[in-house]
C-alpha cells in the first residue's frame, strides 16, 4: 500500500516590523552588559572576575586549604569547567596561573607548585603543575557558610555558586585589576595591603575624610 503522510500544519506567520537602529542599540547594550558582568571586568566587592571567583570557590569546596597538600592543576580546572565555568580549560588555567604569580598579583591568592611561568616565559601544562589556596584567599572564602552573600545557580542549575565572595579585605585595591570589555576597560594598579586597610578603617571612622587625608 502506498505510504501516506499527514501534511504539516501551516506555520503561523510572525513578521515583526522593527527599527533597525533601535534594535542594534538594544542588542549591543545587552551584549556589552553580558561581557562586562559575566567575563571581562572585576566586581568591586571582591575584586574578582567571574572565572577567578569560581576558581577560588571551587578550590575551597575541594578542601584545598593552605594546610593541605597540593593537587594537580588539571583536576582543579576540570572541576571548575564541569561545575561552574563551561568556557574551555585554557581560559580557566590561564586565570589560575595568574592567581598564583607573585609578579602578577601583589598578594597571590593561589599557592602554586611547579613551573607557573615568569615575566618572559609561560607556565608548564596543567598536568605538570599543582595548586592549593594561598593563606590570603582564606580572607575571601572563610565566611561562605555564614549566609553573608547570595548564592545563584550555576550554568545548568545543578549547583549553587556565590554571586560574590565575602572578602574581608579590599582585594580590588590590593591586587589591582585589568580587563577589556565592550566600550570600556579598566587597569588598576595594586596597593600595599597595610596601607589600604589603614585607609579603609580611617574612612569608616571618618566618612567625610578627603583623599589627601587618606593618602
N, C-alpha and C. Protein backbone atom coordinates (compact mmCIF):
# COMPACT_ATOMS: atom_id res chain seq x y z
N UNK A 1 0.85 -1.19 0.00
CA UNK A 1 0.00 0.00 0.00
C UNK A 1 0.89 1.25 0.00
N UNK A 2 0.47 2.27 -0.71
CA UNK A 2 1.30 3.48 -0.72
C UNK A 2 1.32 4.13 0.66
N UNK A 3 2.49 4.67 0.98
CA UNK A 3 2.66 5.29 2.30
C UNK A 3 2.01 6.67 2.30
N UNK A 4 1.22 6.94 3.33
CA UNK A 4 0.55 8.24 3.41
C UNK A 4 1.22 9.09 4.48
N UNK A 5 1.25 10.35 4.26
CA UNK A 5 1.81 11.29 5.23
C UNK A 5 0.79 12.37 5.53
N UNK A 6 0.85 12.84 6.74
CA UNK A 6 -0.04 13.93 7.13
C UNK A 6 0.61 15.26 6.79
N UNK A 7 -0.07 16.08 6.04
CA UNK A 7 0.55 17.37 5.69
C UNK A 7 0.81 18.20 6.93
N UNK A 8 1.94 18.87 6.98
CA UNK A 8 2.27 19.68 8.16
C UNK A 8 1.27 20.82 8.34
N UNK A 9 1.09 21.16 9.61
CA UNK A 9 0.20 22.28 9.88
C UNK A 9 0.87 23.58 9.43
N UNK A 10 0.10 24.49 8.94
CA UNK A 10 0.70 25.75 8.48
C UNK A 10 1.34 26.50 9.64
N UNK A 11 2.52 27.03 9.39
CA UNK A 11 3.25 27.79 10.40
C UNK A 11 2.72 29.21 10.43
N UNK A 12 2.42 29.64 11.63
CA UNK A 12 1.90 30.99 11.78
C UNK A 12 2.96 32.01 11.38
N UNK A 13 2.56 32.90 10.55
CA UNK A 13 3.50 33.90 10.06
C UNK A 13 3.73 34.95 11.14
N UNK A 14 5.01 35.12 11.49
CA UNK A 14 5.34 36.09 12.51
C UNK A 14 6.41 37.03 11.97
N UNK A 15 5.99 38.07 11.39
CA UNK A 15 6.91 39.07 10.85
C UNK A 15 6.74 40.34 11.68
N UNK A 16 7.84 40.78 12.25
CA UNK A 16 7.80 41.98 13.08
C UNK A 16 8.50 43.12 12.35
N UNK A 17 7.84 44.22 12.32
CA UNK A 17 8.44 45.43 11.76
C UNK A 17 9.16 46.17 12.88
N UNK A 18 10.47 46.30 12.78
CA UNK A 18 11.25 46.97 13.81
C UNK A 18 12.15 48.01 13.16
N UNK A 19 12.56 48.94 13.99
CA UNK A 19 13.52 49.94 13.54
C UNK A 19 14.93 49.36 13.72
N UNK A 20 15.67 49.24 12.65
CA UNK A 20 16.98 48.59 12.70
C UNK A 20 17.93 49.30 13.66
N UNK A 21 17.89 50.63 13.64
CA UNK A 21 18.79 51.38 14.51
C UNK A 21 18.49 51.11 15.99
N UNK A 22 17.22 51.11 16.36
CA UNK A 22 16.85 50.85 17.76
C UNK A 22 17.20 49.43 18.17
N UNK A 23 16.97 48.48 17.26
CA UNK A 23 17.28 47.09 17.57
C UNK A 23 18.77 46.89 17.76
N UNK A 24 19.59 47.52 16.92
CA UNK A 24 21.04 47.40 17.06
C UNK A 24 21.51 47.99 18.38
N UNK A 25 20.94 49.14 18.76
CA UNK A 25 21.33 49.75 20.03
C UNK A 25 20.98 48.84 21.21
N UNK A 26 19.76 48.30 21.21
CA UNK A 26 19.36 47.44 22.30
C UNK A 26 20.18 46.16 22.37
N UNK A 27 20.41 45.54 21.22
CA UNK A 27 21.17 44.29 21.19
C UNK A 27 22.62 44.53 21.62
N UNK A 28 23.19 45.65 21.18
CA UNK A 28 24.58 45.94 21.54
C UNK A 28 24.70 46.18 23.04
N UNK A 29 23.73 46.89 23.63
CA UNK A 29 23.78 47.13 25.06
C UNK A 29 23.66 45.83 25.85
N UNK A 30 22.79 44.92 25.40
CA UNK A 30 22.67 43.63 26.07
C UNK A 30 23.97 42.83 25.98
N UNK A 31 24.59 42.86 24.80
CA UNK A 31 25.86 42.14 24.63
C UNK A 31 26.95 42.77 25.49
N UNK A 32 27.02 44.10 25.49
CA UNK A 32 28.03 44.79 26.28
C UNK A 32 27.86 44.49 27.77
N UNK A 33 26.62 44.51 28.24
CA UNK A 33 26.36 44.21 29.65
C UNK A 33 26.78 42.78 29.99
N UNK A 34 26.49 41.85 29.08
CA UNK A 34 26.87 40.46 29.31
C UNK A 34 28.38 40.30 29.43
N UNK A 35 29.12 40.96 28.55
CA UNK A 35 30.58 40.87 28.58
C UNK A 35 31.14 41.50 29.86
N UNK A 36 30.60 42.67 30.21
CA UNK A 36 31.09 43.38 31.39
C UNK A 36 30.79 42.58 32.65
N UNK A 37 29.57 42.11 32.77
CA UNK A 37 29.13 41.47 34.01
C UNK A 37 29.62 40.03 34.12
N UNK A 38 29.72 39.33 33.00
CA UNK A 38 29.97 37.89 33.06
C UNK A 38 31.40 37.48 32.77
N UNK A 39 32.24 38.39 32.25
CA UNK A 39 33.56 37.92 31.84
C UNK A 39 34.69 38.89 32.10
N UNK A 40 34.56 40.12 31.63
CA UNK A 40 35.75 40.93 31.40
C UNK A 40 36.22 41.77 32.58
N UNK A 41 35.30 42.30 33.38
CA UNK A 41 35.69 43.25 34.41
C UNK A 41 35.41 42.68 35.80
N UNK A 42 36.24 43.05 36.78
CA UNK A 42 36.04 42.52 38.14
C UNK A 42 34.90 43.21 38.87
N UNK A 43 34.36 42.52 39.85
CA UNK A 43 33.35 43.09 40.73
C UNK A 43 34.06 43.87 41.83
N UNK A 44 33.64 45.10 42.08
CA UNK A 44 34.32 45.93 43.07
C UNK A 44 34.22 45.35 44.48
N UNK A 45 33.22 44.50 44.74
CA UNK A 45 33.03 43.99 46.09
C UNK A 45 34.10 42.99 46.50
N UNK A 46 34.53 42.13 45.59
CA UNK A 46 35.60 41.19 45.93
C UNK A 46 36.81 41.30 45.01
N UNK A 47 36.75 42.19 44.04
CA UNK A 47 37.89 42.42 43.16
C UNK A 47 38.18 41.29 42.20
N UNK A 48 37.20 40.42 41.94
CA UNK A 48 37.43 39.24 41.12
C UNK A 48 36.55 39.23 39.88
N UNK A 49 37.10 38.70 38.80
CA UNK A 49 36.29 38.39 37.63
C UNK A 49 35.56 37.06 37.89
N UNK A 50 34.50 36.79 37.14
CA UNK A 50 33.74 35.55 37.39
C UNK A 50 34.60 34.29 37.39
N UNK A 51 35.52 34.15 36.44
CA UNK A 51 36.32 32.93 36.38
C UNK A 51 37.23 32.83 37.60
N UNK A 52 37.78 33.95 38.06
CA UNK A 52 38.63 33.92 39.25
C UNK A 52 37.82 33.53 40.49
N UNK A 53 36.63 34.12 40.60
CA UNK A 53 35.77 33.80 41.75
C UNK A 53 35.40 32.32 41.75
N UNK A 54 35.10 31.77 40.59
CA UNK A 54 34.70 30.37 40.51
C UNK A 54 35.86 29.44 40.83
N UNK A 55 37.06 29.82 40.44
CA UNK A 55 38.24 29.01 40.77
C UNK A 55 38.43 28.95 42.28
N UNK A 56 38.43 30.11 42.93
CA UNK A 56 38.66 30.14 44.38
C UNK A 56 37.54 29.42 45.13
N UNK A 57 36.31 29.61 44.68
CA UNK A 57 35.19 28.94 45.35
C UNK A 57 35.29 27.42 45.20
N UNK A 58 35.60 26.96 44.00
CA UNK A 58 35.68 25.52 43.79
C UNK A 58 36.86 24.91 44.56
N UNK A 59 37.97 25.62 44.63
CA UNK A 59 39.10 25.12 45.41
C UNK A 59 38.74 25.04 46.89
N UNK A 60 37.96 26.02 47.37
CA UNK A 60 37.50 25.95 48.76
C UNK A 60 36.57 24.77 48.96
N UNK A 61 35.70 24.50 47.98
CA UNK A 61 34.80 23.37 48.06
C UNK A 61 35.56 22.04 48.04
N UNK A 62 36.70 22.02 47.36
CA UNK A 62 37.52 20.82 47.29
C UNK A 62 38.38 20.63 48.54
N UNK A 63 38.35 21.60 49.44
CA UNK A 63 39.13 21.50 50.67
C UNK A 63 40.61 21.76 50.48
N UNK A 64 40.97 22.53 49.46
CA UNK A 64 42.39 22.78 49.17
C UNK A 64 42.90 23.95 49.99
N UNK A 65 42.85 23.82 51.28
CA UNK A 65 43.30 24.86 52.19
C UNK A 65 44.84 24.93 52.22
N UNK A 66 45.39 26.03 52.73
CA UNK A 66 46.85 26.17 52.77
C UNK A 66 47.55 25.09 53.58
N UNK A 67 46.84 24.48 54.55
CA UNK A 67 47.48 23.44 55.36
C UNK A 67 47.27 22.04 54.80
N UNK A 68 46.69 21.94 53.61
CA UNK A 68 46.51 20.65 52.95
C UNK A 68 47.52 20.53 51.81
N UNK A 69 47.60 19.35 51.22
CA UNK A 69 48.53 19.15 50.12
C UNK A 69 48.04 19.76 48.82
N UNK A 70 48.99 19.97 47.92
CA UNK A 70 48.65 20.45 46.58
C UNK A 70 47.98 19.33 45.78
N UNK A 71 47.17 19.72 44.80
CA UNK A 71 46.61 18.76 43.85
C UNK A 71 46.93 19.24 42.44
N UNK A 72 46.83 18.36 41.48
CA UNK A 72 47.11 18.73 40.10
C UNK A 72 46.21 19.88 39.65
N UNK A 73 46.81 20.84 38.98
CA UNK A 73 46.03 21.95 38.46
C UNK A 73 44.96 21.47 37.48
N UNK A 74 45.26 20.40 36.76
CA UNK A 74 44.29 19.88 35.80
C UNK A 74 43.01 19.43 36.50
N UNK A 75 43.14 18.92 37.71
CA UNK A 75 41.95 18.50 38.47
C UNK A 75 41.10 19.71 38.85
N UNK A 76 41.76 20.77 39.29
CA UNK A 76 41.03 22.00 39.63
C UNK A 76 40.33 22.55 38.40
N UNK A 77 41.05 22.62 37.30
CA UNK A 77 40.48 23.14 36.06
C UNK A 77 39.28 22.31 35.63
N UNK A 78 39.40 20.99 35.73
CA UNK A 78 38.30 20.12 35.33
C UNK A 78 37.06 20.33 36.18
N UNK A 79 37.24 20.46 37.49
CA UNK A 79 36.09 20.67 38.38
C UNK A 79 35.44 22.02 38.11
N UNK A 80 36.24 23.05 37.92
CA UNK A 80 35.69 24.38 37.64
C UNK A 80 34.93 24.38 36.32
N UNK A 81 35.51 23.77 35.31
CA UNK A 81 34.86 23.75 34.00
C UNK A 81 33.58 22.92 34.02
N UNK A 82 33.60 21.79 34.70
CA UNK A 82 32.44 20.92 34.71
C UNK A 82 31.28 21.44 35.54
N UNK A 83 31.59 22.19 36.61
CA UNK A 83 30.53 22.61 37.52
C UNK A 83 30.14 24.08 37.39
N UNK A 84 31.11 24.94 37.02
CA UNK A 84 30.83 26.37 37.14
C UNK A 84 31.13 27.20 35.91
N UNK A 85 32.10 26.83 35.11
CA UNK A 85 32.60 27.73 34.06
C UNK A 85 32.85 26.96 32.77
N UNK A 86 31.82 26.69 31.97
CA UNK A 86 31.98 25.85 30.77
C UNK A 86 32.50 26.62 29.57
N UNK A 87 33.67 27.23 29.70
CA UNK A 87 34.20 28.06 28.62
C UNK A 87 35.59 27.63 28.17
N UNK A 88 35.96 26.39 28.38
CA UNK A 88 37.25 25.92 27.90
C UNK A 88 38.29 25.89 28.99
N UNK A 89 39.13 24.86 28.95
CA UNK A 89 40.11 24.67 30.02
C UNK A 89 41.24 25.67 29.97
N UNK A 90 41.61 26.15 28.78
CA UNK A 90 42.76 27.06 28.69
C UNK A 90 42.48 28.39 29.38
N UNK A 91 41.26 28.91 29.23
CA UNK A 91 40.92 30.18 29.89
C UNK A 91 40.94 30.02 31.41
N UNK A 92 40.47 28.88 31.90
CA UNK A 92 40.45 28.64 33.34
C UNK A 92 41.88 28.49 33.87
N UNK A 93 42.70 27.75 33.15
CA UNK A 93 44.07 27.54 33.62
C UNK A 93 44.86 28.84 33.58
N UNK A 94 44.67 29.65 32.55
CA UNK A 94 45.35 30.95 32.49
C UNK A 94 44.99 31.81 33.70
N UNK A 95 43.72 31.80 34.07
CA UNK A 95 43.30 32.58 35.24
C UNK A 95 43.88 32.01 36.53
N UNK A 96 43.92 30.69 36.63
CA UNK A 96 44.50 30.03 37.81
C UNK A 96 45.98 30.38 37.94
N UNK A 97 46.70 30.34 36.84
CA UNK A 97 48.12 30.66 36.85
C UNK A 97 48.35 32.08 37.34
N UNK A 98 47.56 33.01 36.82
CA UNK A 98 47.74 34.41 37.22
C UNK A 98 47.49 34.61 38.71
N UNK A 99 46.55 33.87 39.26
CA UNK A 99 46.26 33.99 40.69
C UNK A 99 47.42 33.51 41.55
N UNK A 100 48.34 32.75 40.96
CA UNK A 100 49.47 32.19 41.71
C UNK A 100 50.77 32.92 41.44
N UNK A 101 50.80 33.85 40.50
CA UNK A 101 52.06 34.50 40.12
C UNK A 101 52.33 35.72 41.00
N UNK A 102 53.43 35.73 41.74
CA UNK A 102 53.73 36.87 42.61
C UNK A 102 54.06 38.15 41.85
N UNK A 103 54.42 38.03 40.57
CA UNK A 103 54.68 39.23 39.78
C UNK A 103 53.42 39.73 39.08
N UNK A 104 52.33 38.96 39.14
CA UNK A 104 51.06 39.39 38.55
C UNK A 104 50.14 39.98 39.61
N UNK A 105 50.19 39.44 40.83
CA UNK A 105 49.37 39.93 41.93
C UNK A 105 50.26 40.34 43.09
N UNK A 106 49.89 41.41 43.74
CA UNK A 106 50.67 41.82 44.92
C UNK A 106 50.51 40.81 46.04
N UNK A 107 49.32 40.24 46.14
CA UNK A 107 49.02 39.25 47.19
C UNK A 107 48.42 38.02 46.50
N UNK A 108 49.27 37.07 46.06
CA UNK A 108 48.76 35.90 45.33
C UNK A 108 47.69 35.16 46.15
N UNK A 109 46.66 34.69 45.45
CA UNK A 109 45.54 34.01 46.09
C UNK A 109 45.60 32.50 45.95
N UNK A 110 46.51 32.02 45.11
CA UNK A 110 46.70 30.58 44.91
C UNK A 110 48.17 30.26 45.17
N UNK A 111 48.41 29.18 45.88
CA UNK A 111 49.77 28.70 46.14
C UNK A 111 50.10 27.65 45.09
N UNK A 112 50.93 28.02 44.13
CA UNK A 112 51.27 27.12 43.05
C UNK A 112 52.53 26.34 43.32
N UNK A 113 52.58 25.11 42.84
CA UNK A 113 53.75 24.25 42.99
C UNK A 113 54.13 23.76 41.60
N UNK A 114 55.35 24.10 41.18
CA UNK A 114 55.78 23.76 39.84
C UNK A 114 56.07 25.01 39.03
N UNK A 115 56.18 24.86 37.74
CA UNK A 115 56.53 25.97 36.86
C UNK A 115 55.28 26.75 36.49
N UNK A 116 55.07 27.86 37.18
CA UNK A 116 53.93 28.73 36.89
C UNK A 116 54.33 29.93 36.05
N UNK A 117 55.44 29.82 35.36
CA UNK A 117 55.84 30.85 34.42
C UNK A 117 56.64 31.97 35.05
N UNK A 118 57.07 32.88 34.20
CA UNK A 118 57.84 34.05 34.63
C UNK A 118 57.43 35.23 33.76
N UNK A 119 58.12 36.34 33.93
CA UNK A 119 57.77 37.53 33.15
C UNK A 119 57.94 37.31 31.66
N UNK A 120 58.88 36.45 31.27
CA UNK A 120 59.14 36.25 29.84
C UNK A 120 58.94 34.81 29.39
N UNK A 121 58.24 34.01 30.18
CA UNK A 121 58.03 32.62 29.79
C UNK A 121 56.71 32.13 30.38
N UNK A 122 56.03 31.28 29.64
CA UNK A 122 54.74 30.78 30.08
C UNK A 122 54.86 29.63 31.06
N UNK A 123 53.75 29.23 31.66
CA UNK A 123 53.77 28.14 32.64
C UNK A 123 53.81 26.78 31.97
N UNK A 124 54.11 25.77 32.76
CA UNK A 124 54.00 24.40 32.26
C UNK A 124 52.53 24.03 32.12
N UNK A 125 52.26 22.95 31.43
CA UNK A 125 50.89 22.50 31.24
C UNK A 125 50.25 22.14 32.58
N UNK A 126 48.93 22.19 32.62
CA UNK A 126 48.21 21.97 33.88
C UNK A 126 48.44 20.58 34.46
N UNK A 127 48.80 19.63 33.62
CA UNK A 127 49.05 18.27 34.14
C UNK A 127 50.37 18.18 34.90
N UNK A 128 51.22 19.19 34.75
CA UNK A 128 52.52 19.17 35.43
C UNK A 128 52.55 20.04 36.69
N UNK A 129 51.64 20.98 36.83
CA UNK A 129 51.67 21.89 37.97
C UNK A 129 50.61 21.48 39.00
N UNK A 130 50.80 21.98 40.22
CA UNK A 130 49.87 21.69 41.31
C UNK A 130 49.48 22.99 42.01
N UNK A 131 48.36 22.95 42.70
CA UNK A 131 47.87 24.19 43.32
C UNK A 131 47.05 23.88 44.57
N UNK A 132 46.98 24.89 45.42
CA UNK A 132 46.08 24.91 46.58
C UNK A 132 45.84 26.39 46.90
N UNK A 133 44.92 26.66 47.79
CA UNK A 133 44.65 28.04 48.16
C UNK A 133 45.81 28.63 48.95
N UNK A 134 46.10 29.90 48.70
CA UNK A 134 47.09 30.62 49.49
C UNK A 134 46.43 31.12 50.77
N UNK A 135 47.21 31.38 51.82
CA UNK A 135 46.61 31.87 53.07
C UNK A 135 45.75 33.12 52.89
N UNK A 136 46.15 34.00 51.97
CA UNK A 136 45.38 35.23 51.76
C UNK A 136 43.98 34.96 51.23
N UNK A 137 43.81 33.87 50.51
CA UNK A 137 42.50 33.57 49.93
C UNK A 137 41.47 33.18 50.99
N UNK A 138 41.94 32.75 52.16
CA UNK A 138 41.00 32.40 53.23
C UNK A 138 40.19 33.61 53.66
N UNK A 139 40.79 34.80 53.55
CA UNK A 139 40.06 36.01 53.90
C UNK A 139 38.95 36.32 52.91
N UNK A 140 38.96 35.63 51.77
CA UNK A 140 37.90 35.81 50.77
C UNK A 140 36.85 34.72 50.84
N UNK A 141 37.18 33.57 51.41
CA UNK A 141 36.29 32.41 51.30
C UNK A 141 35.77 31.87 52.64
N UNK A 142 36.39 32.24 53.75
CA UNK A 142 36.06 31.56 55.02
C UNK A 142 34.64 31.82 55.52
N UNK A 143 34.01 32.89 55.09
CA UNK A 143 32.66 33.20 55.58
C UNK A 143 31.56 32.73 54.64
N UNK A 144 31.90 31.86 53.71
CA UNK A 144 30.91 31.42 52.73
C UNK A 144 29.75 30.66 53.36
N UNK A 145 30.00 30.00 54.48
CA UNK A 145 28.94 29.22 55.12
C UNK A 145 28.19 29.99 56.20
N UNK A 146 28.38 31.31 56.25
CA UNK A 146 27.74 32.13 57.28
C UNK A 146 26.58 32.95 56.74
N UNK A 147 26.13 32.64 55.53
CA UNK A 147 24.95 33.29 54.94
C UNK A 147 25.11 34.80 54.83
N UNK A 148 26.29 35.23 54.39
CA UNK A 148 26.54 36.67 54.25
C UNK A 148 26.53 37.12 52.80
N UNK A 149 26.52 36.18 51.85
CA UNK A 149 26.43 36.52 50.44
C UNK A 149 25.34 35.66 49.80
N UNK A 150 24.82 36.16 48.69
CA UNK A 150 23.80 35.41 47.96
C UNK A 150 24.43 34.34 47.09
N UNK A 151 23.76 33.21 46.97
CA UNK A 151 24.17 32.15 46.06
C UNK A 151 23.21 32.10 44.89
N UNK A 152 23.74 31.80 43.72
CA UNK A 152 22.94 31.74 42.49
C UNK A 152 23.21 30.40 41.81
N UNK A 153 22.29 29.94 40.95
CA UNK A 153 22.52 28.67 40.25
C UNK A 153 23.68 28.78 39.27
N UNK A 154 24.33 27.64 39.03
CA UNK A 154 25.38 27.62 38.01
C UNK A 154 24.74 27.58 36.63
N UNK A 155 25.53 27.36 35.60
CA UNK A 155 25.04 27.48 34.23
C UNK A 155 23.94 26.50 33.87
N UNK A 156 23.88 25.32 34.51
CA UNK A 156 22.84 24.35 34.20
C UNK A 156 21.89 24.09 35.36
N UNK A 157 22.02 24.88 36.43
CA UNK A 157 21.10 24.78 37.54
C UNK A 157 21.33 23.62 38.48
N UNK A 158 22.43 22.89 38.33
CA UNK A 158 22.67 21.73 39.18
C UNK A 158 23.43 22.07 40.46
N UNK A 159 24.16 23.17 40.45
CA UNK A 159 24.96 23.56 41.61
C UNK A 159 24.70 25.03 41.94
N UNK A 160 25.09 25.41 43.14
CA UNK A 160 24.99 26.80 43.58
C UNK A 160 26.39 27.40 43.69
N UNK A 161 26.50 28.67 43.35
CA UNK A 161 27.76 29.38 43.45
C UNK A 161 27.51 30.77 44.03
N UNK A 162 28.49 31.34 44.72
CA UNK A 162 28.28 32.67 45.30
C UNK A 162 28.29 33.74 44.22
N UNK A 163 27.40 34.71 44.38
CA UNK A 163 27.39 35.83 43.44
C UNK A 163 28.60 36.72 43.63
N UNK A 164 29.16 36.69 44.83
CA UNK A 164 30.37 37.44 45.16
C UNK A 164 30.98 36.77 46.39
N UNK A 165 32.29 36.84 46.54
CA UNK A 165 32.93 36.25 47.71
C UNK A 165 32.89 37.25 48.88
N UNK A 166 32.76 36.75 50.11
CA UNK A 166 32.70 37.63 51.28
C UNK A 166 34.09 38.13 51.67
N UNK A 167 34.64 39.00 50.87
CA UNK A 167 36.02 39.46 51.04
C UNK A 167 36.18 40.24 52.34
N UNK A 168 37.18 39.87 53.12
CA UNK A 168 37.47 40.55 54.38
C UNK A 168 38.50 41.65 54.21
N UNK A 169 38.99 41.86 53.01
CA UNK A 169 39.89 42.98 52.72
C UNK A 169 39.59 43.47 51.30
N UNK A 170 39.88 44.72 50.99
CA UNK A 170 39.57 45.27 49.66
C UNK A 170 40.52 44.73 48.59
N UNK A 171 40.20 43.56 48.10
CA UNK A 171 41.08 42.88 47.15
C UNK A 171 41.27 43.68 45.86
N UNK A 172 40.25 44.42 45.44
CA UNK A 172 40.37 45.19 44.20
C UNK A 172 41.49 46.21 44.30
N UNK A 173 41.63 46.85 45.46
CA UNK A 173 42.68 47.84 45.64
C UNK A 173 44.03 47.19 45.89
N UNK A 174 44.04 46.09 46.62
CA UNK A 174 45.30 45.44 46.98
C UNK A 174 45.95 44.80 45.77
N UNK A 175 45.19 44.03 45.01
CA UNK A 175 45.76 43.30 43.88
C UNK A 175 45.58 44.00 42.54
N UNK A 176 44.80 45.07 42.52
CA UNK A 176 44.57 45.75 41.25
C UNK A 176 43.72 44.90 40.32
N UNK A 177 43.55 45.38 39.11
CA UNK A 177 42.74 44.65 38.14
C UNK A 177 42.97 45.22 36.76
N UNK A 178 42.77 44.38 35.76
CA UNK A 178 42.82 44.83 34.37
C UNK A 178 41.81 44.03 33.58
N UNK A 179 41.21 44.66 32.61
CA UNK A 179 40.24 43.97 31.78
C UNK A 179 39.75 44.87 30.67
N UNK A 180 39.39 44.26 29.56
CA UNK A 180 38.87 44.99 28.41
C UNK A 180 37.48 44.46 28.10
N UNK A 181 36.50 45.33 28.14
CA UNK A 181 35.12 44.94 27.85
C UNK A 181 34.67 45.64 26.57
N UNK A 182 33.38 45.74 26.37
CA UNK A 182 32.83 46.40 25.19
C UNK A 182 32.58 47.86 25.53
N UNK A 183 33.36 48.74 24.93
CA UNK A 183 33.18 50.16 25.17
C UNK A 183 33.82 50.69 26.42
N UNK A 184 34.47 49.85 27.20
CA UNK A 184 35.14 50.31 28.41
C UNK A 184 36.23 49.32 28.80
N UNK A 185 37.13 49.79 29.64
CA UNK A 185 38.23 48.95 30.11
C UNK A 185 38.66 49.45 31.48
N UNK A 186 39.44 48.63 32.17
CA UNK A 186 39.97 49.04 33.46
C UNK A 186 41.41 48.56 33.59
N UNK A 187 42.20 49.33 34.29
CA UNK A 187 43.59 48.95 34.58
C UNK A 187 43.99 49.62 35.88
N UNK A 188 43.76 48.92 36.98
CA UNK A 188 44.01 49.48 38.31
C UNK A 188 45.30 48.92 38.87
N UNK A 189 46.12 49.78 39.41
CA UNK A 189 47.40 49.37 39.99
C UNK A 189 47.17 48.73 41.36
N UNK A 190 48.05 47.81 41.77
CA UNK A 190 47.96 47.24 43.12
C UNK A 190 48.45 48.22 44.17
N UNK A 191 48.08 47.97 45.43
CA UNK A 191 48.48 48.83 46.53
C UNK A 191 48.90 47.98 47.73
N UNK A 192 49.61 48.61 48.64
CA UNK A 192 50.08 47.93 49.84
C UNK A 192 48.91 47.56 50.75
N UNK A 193 48.87 46.30 51.18
CA UNK A 193 47.75 45.80 51.99
C UNK A 193 47.59 46.59 53.28
N UNK A 194 48.68 46.82 54.02
CA UNK A 194 48.60 47.51 55.31
C UNK A 194 48.07 48.92 55.12
N UNK A 195 48.57 49.62 54.09
CA UNK A 195 48.12 50.99 53.86
C UNK A 195 46.65 51.03 53.45
N UNK A 196 46.22 50.08 52.62
CA UNK A 196 44.83 50.05 52.18
C UNK A 196 43.89 49.78 53.35
N UNK A 197 44.23 48.82 54.19
CA UNK A 197 43.38 48.51 55.35
C UNK A 197 43.34 49.69 56.31
N UNK A 198 44.48 50.34 56.53
CA UNK A 198 44.51 51.51 57.42
C UNK A 198 43.63 52.62 56.86
N UNK A 199 43.68 52.83 55.55
CA UNK A 199 42.84 53.85 54.93
C UNK A 199 41.37 53.49 55.03
N UNK A 200 41.05 52.21 54.87
CA UNK A 200 39.65 51.77 54.96
C UNK A 200 39.11 51.98 56.37
N UNK A 201 39.91 51.65 57.38
CA UNK A 201 39.49 51.86 58.77
C UNK A 201 39.28 53.34 59.05
N UNK A 202 40.20 54.17 58.55
CA UNK A 202 40.08 55.62 58.75
C UNK A 202 38.81 56.15 58.09
N UNK A 203 38.49 55.63 56.90
CA UNK A 203 37.30 56.09 56.19
C UNK A 203 36.02 55.65 56.91
N UNK A 204 36.04 54.47 57.50
CA UNK A 204 34.87 54.02 58.27
C UNK A 204 34.66 54.90 59.50
N UNK A 205 35.75 55.30 60.13
CA UNK A 205 35.65 56.12 61.33
C UNK A 205 35.41 57.59 60.99
N UNK A 206 35.85 58.00 59.80
CA UNK A 206 35.70 59.41 59.38
C UNK A 206 35.16 59.42 57.94
N UNK A 207 33.85 59.24 57.77
CA UNK A 207 33.27 59.14 56.41
C UNK A 207 33.51 60.36 55.54
N UNK A 208 33.77 61.50 56.14
CA UNK A 208 33.98 62.72 55.36
C UNK A 208 35.46 62.96 55.05
N UNK A 209 36.30 62.00 55.28
CA UNK A 209 37.74 62.17 55.05
C UNK A 209 38.02 62.47 53.59
N UNK A 210 38.97 63.34 53.35
CA UNK A 210 39.34 63.71 51.98
C UNK A 210 40.38 62.74 51.43
N UNK A 211 40.60 62.83 50.14
CA UNK A 211 41.60 61.98 49.51
C UNK A 211 42.99 62.26 50.07
N UNK A 212 43.29 63.52 50.32
CA UNK A 212 44.60 63.88 50.87
C UNK A 212 44.79 63.25 52.24
N UNK A 213 43.75 63.24 53.06
CA UNK A 213 43.87 62.64 54.39
C UNK A 213 44.07 61.13 54.30
N UNK A 214 43.41 60.49 53.35
CA UNK A 214 43.57 59.05 53.19
C UNK A 214 44.97 58.70 52.69
N UNK A 215 45.52 59.54 51.85
CA UNK A 215 46.85 59.27 51.30
C UNK A 215 47.94 59.58 52.32
